[in-house]
Amino acid sequence: MTTATDTSPSMPSARWSVEQAWSWCNDQPWLCGFNYVPANSISYTEMWMAYAFDEALIDRELALAQTVGFNVLRVVLPFVVWEAEPEAFQHRFDTFLAICARHGLRVMPCFFDDCVFGAISDPEFGQQPEVVAGWYANGWTPSPGHTRVRDPQQRPRLEQYVKAIMAQHRTDARVVCWDLYNEPGNSGMGDDTLPLLTDAFRWAQTIDPQQPITSGYFGRDSNCNQFVLAASDVITFHNYDTPAELRQQIAGLKTHGRPLICTEWLNRPRASTVADCLPIFLEQRVGAIHWGLVNGRTQTHLPWGHRPGAAEPVLWQHDLYRVNSEGEYEVYDAQEIEQFQQAIQQAAA
């Protein structure tokens, strides 16, 4: 096991210059979109399994996003599915990119994720758990899994995974940016994640994609956070806090002189709301990718840590749509949709 005593952040050698980063940014629209897990999937692992990957469902859900005007989505690619069936996974990913493009959405793929919300710290290929009603994301799976992150013997296979996918799409206009690691060090991993994080940047840089590479800063003082600020071509971050705290974080991150994208936000009970935070992202020209689109098996309308038997929340934490008893999509808050539409139109004017 790697410990904090034998790792330290280092400056990468192939990072984009500030000028390159801004040249890329100036060629983009104001990025506004969402993190995506289809309603039929309890996790990203399930989303990409053959039994759950539903092209028609994804098409219907992303058609909703198109009506709002969203132009980007972020999605995690699970290592365990690629490892078990790499060719089939690559085909599904290409199919997914095609569906997204049909609806005016570019994609920010993410390779690794340390987050755990239930009992699964090491995902397995195959049928995923059933939903436990009232448990926020009970079947969530990290990627590649905590044991694999800590095992140096897994590194060659993980390298192959990153390079195979990036090499196939390094000039693909449907990919807007590569997010190498979601919340590195979260769920008790700490600096055990740092060796894989640094390797992921090194592997990505050898592919030399036309898109920028990044990993998100998520508000904790750690060696992983220090590294991602030093390594990322464009700076991404997470903020589920009040408008005042969001402004403060943006101001701090702007001192690094690079384009900013918030790759997770929207927590209504904590005052991270569309009405109050979206105007800040627009005003500051910071990309805004909230969590999530259609509420489903992840149950992310519940607050973090919600367990069976607890009272239903007065406000949803995340998500914009739900599926009613007749299988039709309903808007959670029509005013929020109007606010997204107006902000996107204003940015394009």
Protein backbone atom coordinates (compact mmCIF):
# COMPACT_ATOMS: atom_id res chain seq x y z
CA MET A 1 0.00 0.00 0.00
CA THR A 2 1.26 3.45 -0.88
CA THR A 3 1.26 5.95 1.96
CA ALA A 4 1.49 9.71 2.16
CA THR A 5 5.11 9.47 3.31
CA ASP A 6 6.45 8.13 0.02
CA THR A 7 4.56 10.28 -2.50
CA SER A 8 4.65 13.92 -3.43
CA PRO A 9 3.12 15.95 -6.25
CA SER A 10 5.37 16.81 -9.15
CA MET A 11 4.95 19.15 -12.09
CA PRO A 12 4.16 17.27 -15.32
CA SER A 13 6.37 17.89 -18.34
CA ALA A 14 3.77 18.00 -21.11
CA ARG A 15 1.10 20.28 -19.73
CA TRP A 16 -0.56 22.69 -22.17
CA SER A 17 0.64 26.25 -21.93
CA VAL A 18 -1.75 28.87 -20.61
CA GLU A 19 -2.04 30.20 -24.16
CA GLN A 20 -2.99 26.76 -25.51
CA ALA A 21 -5.62 26.37 -22.79
CA TRP A 22 -7.21 29.71 -23.55
CA SER A 23 -7.06 29.12 -27.31
CA TRP A 24 -9.03 25.91 -26.77
CA CYS A 25 -11.47 27.65 -24.42
CA ASN A 26 -12.12 30.52 -26.82
CA ASP A 27 -13.13 28.03 -29.50
CA GLN A 28 -15.84 26.53 -27.25
CA PRO A 29 -19.31 27.77 -26.44
CA TRP A 30 -20.03 28.39 -22.78
CA LEU A 31 -20.12 24.79 -21.57
CA CYS A 32 -23.36 24.03 -19.74
CA GLY A 33 -24.58 20.52 -19.10
CA PHE A 34 -24.88 17.64 -16.68
CA ASN A 35 -23.39 14.45 -15.28
CA TYR A 36 -25.19 11.52 -16.86
CA VAL A 37 -26.35 8.14 -15.61
CA PRO A 38 -29.45 6.74 -17.38
CA ALA A 39 -32.49 6.19 -15.19
CA ASN A 40 -32.25 2.41 -15.65
CA SER A 41 -28.77 2.16 -14.12
CA ILE A 42 -27.70 2.10 -10.49
CA SER A 43 -24.12 3.03 -11.35
CA TYR A 44 -21.76 3.71 -14.22
CA THR A 45 -20.79 0.04 -14.18
CA GLU A 46 -24.37 -0.98 -14.82
CA MET A 47 -24.82 1.75 -17.45
CA TRP A 48 -22.13 0.19 -19.65
CA MET A 49 -23.06 -3.50 -19.14
CA ALA A 50 -24.58 -5.21 -22.17
CA TYR A 51 -27.81 -6.01 -20.31
CA ALA A 52 -28.39 -2.36 -19.34
CA PHE A 53 -26.93 -0.35 -22.23
CA ASP A 54 -30.17 0.81 -23.84
CA GLU A 55 -29.66 2.98 -26.92
CA ALA A 56 -33.33 3.89 -27.21
CA LEU A 57 -33.54 4.97 -23.57
CA ILE A 58 -30.37 7.04 -23.80
CA ASP A 59 -31.70 8.65 -26.97
CA ARG A 60 -34.99 9.60 -25.27
CA GLU A 61 -33.27 11.03 -22.22
CA LEU A 62 -30.72 13.02 -24.17
CA ALA A 63 -33.55 14.41 -26.31
CA LEU A 64 -34.77 16.07 -23.09
CA ALA A 65 -31.34 17.65 -22.66
CA GLN A 66 -31.48 18.94 -26.22
CA THR A 67 -34.76 20.77 -25.55
CA VAL A 68 -33.02 22.67 -22.75
CA GLY A 69 -30.04 23.53 -24.93
CA PHE A 70 -27.35 21.71 -22.94
CA ASN A 71 -24.15 21.23 -24.93
CA VAL A 72 -22.01 18.93 -22.77
CA LEU A 73 -22.28 15.91 -20.50
CA ARG A 74 -19.80 14.15 -18.26
CA VAL A 75 -19.73 10.37 -17.83
CA VAL A 76 -17.48 7.81 -16.13
CA LEU A 77 -16.13 4.87 -18.12
CA PRO A 78 -15.83 1.82 -15.81
CA PHE A 79 -12.58 -0.12 -16.03
CA VAL A 80 -14.15 -3.47 -15.09
CA VAL A 81 -16.46 -3.46 -18.11
CA TRP A 82 -13.66 -2.53 -20.49
CA GLU A 83 -11.39 -5.17 -18.95
CA ALA A 84 -13.95 -7.94 -19.45
CA GLU A 85 -14.97 -7.03 -23.00
CA PRO A 86 -12.82 -4.24 -24.46
CA GLU A 87 -14.07 -4.43 -28.04
CA ALA A 88 -17.73 -4.47 -27.02
CA PHE A 89 -17.13 -1.61 -24.61
CA GLN A 90 -15.39 0.47 -27.26
CA HIS A 91 -18.36 -0.14 -29.57
CA ARG A 92 -20.83 0.96 -26.88
CA PHE A 93 -18.79 4.08 -26.17
CA ASP A 94 -18.73 4.99 -29.86
CA THR A 95 -22.48 4.40 -30.06
CA PHE A 96 -22.96 6.62 -27.03
CA LEU A 97 -20.87 9.39 -28.60
CA ALA A 98 -23.00 9.18 -31.74
CA ILE A 99 -26.24 9.53 -29.75
CA CYS A 100 -24.80 12.49 -27.87
CA ALA A 101 -23.73 14.18 -31.11
CA ARG A 102 -27.23 13.74 -32.51
CA HIS A 103 -28.53 15.81 -29.62
CA GLY A 104 -25.88 18.52 -29.73
CA LEU A 105 -23.95 17.18 -26.74
CA ARG A 106 -20.19 16.81 -26.50
CA VAL A 107 -18.77 14.41 -23.96
CA MET A 108 -16.29 14.69 -21.08
CA PRO A 109 -15.29 11.07 -20.36
CA CYS A 110 -13.81 10.22 -16.96
CA PHE A 111 -11.65 7.12 -16.42
CA PHE A 112 -11.26 6.74 -12.66
CA ASP A 113 -13.45 7.49 -9.63
CA ASP A 114 -12.81 6.82 -5.92
CA CYS A 115 -16.35 7.57 -4.68
CA VAL A 116 -18.27 4.98 -2.67
CA PHE A 117 -21.79 5.52 -1.32
CA GLY A 118 -22.70 1.96 -0.33
CA ALA A 119 -20.79 -1.24 0.36
CA ILE A 120 -18.98 -1.66 -2.97
CA SER A 121 -15.36 -0.52 -2.94
CA ASP A 122 -14.26 -3.08 -5.54
CA PRO A 123 -16.67 -3.41 -8.48
CA GLU A 124 -17.27 -6.66 -10.29
CA PHE A 125 -18.27 -7.36 -13.87
CA GLY A 126 -21.79 -8.78 -14.14
CA GLN A 127 -25.26 -8.17 -12.81
CA GLN A 128 -25.27 -5.18 -10.49
CA PRO A 129 -27.20 -4.87 -7.18
CA GLU A 130 -30.87 -4.10 -6.91
CA VAL A 131 -32.00 -0.75 -5.59
CA VAL A 132 -32.46 -0.44 -1.83
CA ALA A 133 -35.30 2.06 -1.58
CA GLY A 134 -34.28 5.12 0.41
CA TRP A 135 -30.50 4.56 0.11
CA TYR A 136 -28.63 7.19 -1.88
CA ALA A 137 -26.70 5.39 -4.65
CA ASN A 138 -26.58 2.07 -2.75
CA GLY A 139 -25.09 0.25 -5.75
CA TRP A 140 -22.53 2.88 -6.71
CA THR A 141 -19.17 1.56 -7.86
CA PRO A 142 -15.78 3.27 -8.01
CA SER A 143 -13.43 2.71 -10.93
CA PRO A 144 -11.23 0.71 -11.05
CA GLY A 145 -11.91 -0.05 -7.36
CA HIS A 146 -9.92 0.69 -4.24
CA THR A 147 -7.92 -2.55 -4.21
CA ARG A 148 -6.85 -2.09 -7.82
CA VAL A 149 -5.85 1.53 -7.17
CA ARG A 150 -3.53 0.38 -4.39
CA ASP A 151 -2.06 -2.58 -6.31
CA PRO A 152 0.93 -1.63 -8.50
CA GLN A 153 0.57 -4.92 -10.39
CA GLN A 154 -2.70 -3.60 -11.86
CA ARG A 155 -0.96 -0.59 -13.39
CA PRO A 156 -0.07 -2.10 -16.82
CA ARG A 157 -3.69 -3.08 -17.46
CA LEU A 158 -4.97 0.31 -16.31
CA GLU A 159 -2.45 1.98 -18.61
CA GLN A 160 -3.69 -0.10 -21.52
CA TYR A 161 -7.28 0.92 -20.70
CA VAL A 162 -6.57 4.66 -20.68
CA LYS A 163 -4.38 4.59 -23.77
CA ALA A 164 -6.68 2.36 -25.84
CA ILE A 165 -9.69 4.62 -25.37
CA MET A 166 -7.81 7.89 -25.70
CA ALA A 167 -5.89 6.78 -28.79
CA GLN A 168 -9.14 5.93 -30.57
CA HIS A 169 -10.69 9.32 -29.77
CA ARG A 170 -7.72 11.70 -29.44
CA THR A 171 -8.94 13.79 -32.42
CA ASP A 172 -12.65 13.07 -31.99
CA ALA A 173 -14.59 16.35 -31.96
CA ARG A 174 -17.36 14.63 -29.98
CA VAL A 175 -14.99 14.51 -26.98
CA VAL A 176 -14.61 17.96 -25.49
CA CYS A 177 -12.17 17.20 -22.66
CA TRP A 178 -10.68 14.20 -20.82
CA ASP A 179 -11.35 14.03 -17.07
CA LEU A 180 -8.80 11.49 -15.87
CA TYR A 181 -9.92 11.02 -12.26
CA ASN A 182 -13.09 11.96 -10.39
CA GLU A 183 -12.46 13.16 -6.82
CA PRO A 184 -9.12 11.40 -6.37
CA GLY A 185 -8.57 10.45 -2.74
CA ASN A 186 -12.25 10.48 -1.76
CA SER A 187 -13.95 7.75 0.32
CA GLY A 188 -10.92 7.25 2.54
CA MET A 189 -8.36 6.73 -0.23
CA GLY A 190 -6.33 9.87 0.51
CA ASP A 191 -2.83 9.89 -0.94
CA ASP A 192 -3.06 6.18 -1.79
CA THR A 193 -4.59 7.49 -5.02
CA LEU A 194 -1.71 9.78 -5.93
CA PRO A 195 0.47 7.22 -7.78
CA LEU A 196 -2.37 6.21 -10.11
CA LEU A 197 -3.40 9.84 -10.54
CA THR A 198 0.08 10.88 -11.62
CA ASP A 199 0.40 7.85 -13.89
CA ALA A 200 -2.93 8.67 -15.53
CA PHE A 201 -1.67 12.12 -16.49
CA ARG A 202 1.58 10.68 -17.82
CA TRP A 203 -0.26 8.07 -19.89
CA ALA A 204 -2.67 10.65 -21.28
CA GLN A 205 0.15 13.01 -22.22
CA THR A 206 1.88 10.29 -24.25
CA ILE A 207 -1.26 10.00 -26.38
CA ASP A 208 -1.15 13.78 -27.00
CA PRO A 209 -4.89 14.31 -27.47
CA GLN A 210 -6.22 17.40 -29.22
CA GLN A 211 -8.58 17.84 -26.27
CA PRO A 212 -7.37 19.11 -22.86
CA ILE A 213 -6.85 16.77 -19.91
CA THR A 214 -7.89 17.51 -16.37
CA SER A 215 -8.88 16.10 -12.98
CA GLY A 216 -11.18 17.87 -10.58
CA TYR A 217 -10.21 19.84 -7.50
CA PHE A 218 -12.91 19.18 -4.93
CA GLY A 219 -12.16 21.42 -2.01
CA ARG A 220 -9.92 19.40 0.28
CA ASP A 221 -6.31 20.18 1.10
CA SER A 222 -4.44 17.13 -0.14
CA ASN A 223 -1.51 16.11 -2.29
CA CYS A 224 -3.98 14.95 -4.94
CA ASN A 225 -5.51 18.41 -5.10
CA GLN A 226 -2.11 20.06 -5.29
CA PHE A 227 -1.19 17.76 -8.16
CA VAL A 228 -4.32 18.33 -10.24
CA LEU A 229 -3.91 22.10 -10.00
CA ALA A 230 -0.34 21.71 -11.25
CA ALA A 231 -1.13 19.15 -13.94
CA SER A 232 -4.47 20.01 -15.54
CA ASP A 233 -4.61 21.81 -18.88
CA VAL A 234 -7.89 23.41 -17.83
CA ILE A 235 -8.93 23.53 -14.18
CA THR A 236 -12.04 21.64 -13.13
CA PHE A 237 -13.60 21.61 -9.69
CA HIS A 238 -16.66 20.60 -7.69
CA ASN A 239 -18.81 22.94 -5.63
CA TYR A 240 -22.04 22.00 -3.87
CA ASP A 241 -22.04 25.00 -1.57
CA THR A 242 -23.71 28.41 -1.25
CA PRO A 243 -23.45 31.10 -3.92
CA ALA A 244 -21.06 33.08 -1.70
CA GLU A 245 -18.77 30.06 -1.29
CA LEU A 246 -18.97 29.37 -5.01
CA ARG A 247 -17.85 32.93 -5.81
CA GLN A 248 -15.01 32.61 -3.34
CA GLN A 249 -13.80 29.35 -4.85
CA ILE A 250 -13.97 30.68 -8.39
CA ALA A 251 -11.96 33.74 -7.37
CA GLY A 252 -9.30 31.53 -5.78
CA LEU A 253 -9.04 29.17 -8.74
CA LYS A 254 -8.87 32.04 -11.24
CA THR A 255 -5.51 32.99 -9.76
CA HIS A 256 -4.07 30.00 -11.62
CA GLY A 257 -4.80 31.79 -14.89
CA ARG A 258 -6.51 28.93 -16.71
CA PRO A 259 -10.06 28.29 -17.95
CA LEU A 260 -12.41 26.91 -15.29
CA ILE A 261 -15.17 24.30 -15.50
CA CYS A 262 -17.26 23.23 -12.53
CA THR A 263 -17.88 19.55 -13.25
CA GLU A 264 -20.25 18.95 -10.32
CA TRP A 265 -22.72 21.27 -8.63
CA LEU A 266 -26.45 21.48 -7.70
CA ASN A 267 -27.41 20.60 -4.16
CA ARG A 268 -30.68 22.38 -3.53
CA PRO A 269 -30.87 21.84 0.27
CA ARG A 270 -27.37 23.36 0.64
CA ALA A 271 -28.31 26.44 -1.45
CA SER A 272 -26.42 25.26 -4.54
CA THR A 273 -29.39 26.06 -6.77
CA VAL A 274 -30.07 26.86 -10.39
CA ALA A 275 -31.57 30.23 -9.51
CA ASP A 276 -28.62 31.39 -7.44
CA CYS A 277 -25.54 29.62 -8.85
CA LEU A 278 -26.18 29.39 -12.59
CA PRO A 279 -25.99 33.21 -12.99
CA ILE A 280 -22.58 33.16 -11.28
CA PHE A 281 -21.22 30.56 -13.70
CA LEU A 282 -22.53 32.60 -16.63
CA GLU A 283 -21.23 35.91 -15.33
CA GLN A 284 -17.78 34.45 -14.63
CA ARG A 285 -17.77 32.40 -17.87
CA VAL A 286 -17.08 29.25 -15.86
CA GLY A 287 -18.36 26.02 -17.40
CA ALA A 288 -21.24 24.48 -15.44
CA ILE A 289 -21.89 20.72 -15.41
CA HIS A 290 -24.43 19.87 -12.70
CA TRP A 291 -25.63 16.55 -11.26
CA GLY A 292 -27.72 15.05 -13.00
CA LEU A 293 -30.51 14.64 -15.63
CA VAL A 294 -33.23 11.99 -15.06
CA ASN A 295 -33.79 10.62 -11.57
CA GLY A 296 -33.70 6.85 -11.49
CA ARG A 297 -32.03 3.84 -9.87
CA THR A 298 -29.27 5.96 -8.31
CA GLN A 299 -31.89 7.78 -6.19
CA THR A 300 -29.79 10.94 -6.24
CA HIS A 301 -32.79 13.08 -5.39
CA LEU A 302 -32.03 11.91 -1.83
CA PRO A 303 -29.35 13.64 0.25
CA TRP A 304 -25.92 12.05 0.68
CA GLY A 305 -26.04 9.44 3.42
CA HIS A 306 -29.81 8.98 3.22
CA ARG A 307 -30.88 5.55 4.44
CA PRO A 308 -34.13 3.55 4.36
CA GLY A 309 -36.69 4.79 6.85
CA ALA A 310 -35.52 8.40 6.84
CA ALA A 311 -38.07 11.01 5.79
CA GLU A 312 -38.32 11.90 2.13
CA PRO A 313 -36.52 15.19 1.44
CA VAL A 314 -38.54 18.37 1.03
CA LEU A 315 -36.22 19.39 -1.78
CA TRP A 316 -34.52 17.10 -4.23
CA GLN A 317 -30.74 17.18 -3.91
CA HIS A 318 -29.97 16.53 -7.61
CA ASP A 319 -31.63 15.83 -11.00
CA LEU A 320 -34.02 17.72 -13.28
CA TYR A 321 -36.54 15.12 -14.49
CA ARG A 322 -38.40 12.08 -13.18
CA VAL A 323 -40.37 9.26 -14.78
CA ASN A 324 -44.04 9.12 -13.74
CA SER A 325 -46.18 6.02 -13.22
CA GLU A 326 -47.11 6.02 -16.91
CA GLY A 327 -43.50 6.02 -18.02
CA GLU A 328 -43.52 9.65 -19.11
CA TYR A 329 -40.90 12.23 -18.25
CA GLU A 330 -41.87 15.07 -15.93
CA VAL A 331 -39.91 18.17 -15.03
CA TYR A 332 -39.07 18.51 -11.34
CA ASP A 333 -39.08 22.34 -11.51
CA ALA A 334 -40.15 24.02 -14.76
CA GLN A 335 -38.69 27.35 -13.64
CA GLU A 336 -35.22 25.78 -13.42
CA ILE A 337 -35.49 24.56 -17.00
CA GLU A 338 -36.42 28.07 -18.14
CA GLN A 339 -33.45 29.49 -16.26
CA PHE A 340 -31.08 27.04 -17.97
CA GLN A 341 -32.57 27.88 -21.36
CA GLN A 342 -32.26 31.61 -20.81
CA ALA A 343 -28.67 31.39 -19.56
CA ILE A 344 -27.58 29.23 -22.52
CA GLN A 345 -29.26 31.59 -24.96
CA GLN A 346 -27.69 34.61 -23.27
CA ALA A 347 -24.23 33.05 -23.47
CA ALA A 348 -24.64 32.41 -27.19
CA ALA A 349 -25.89 35.93 -27.98
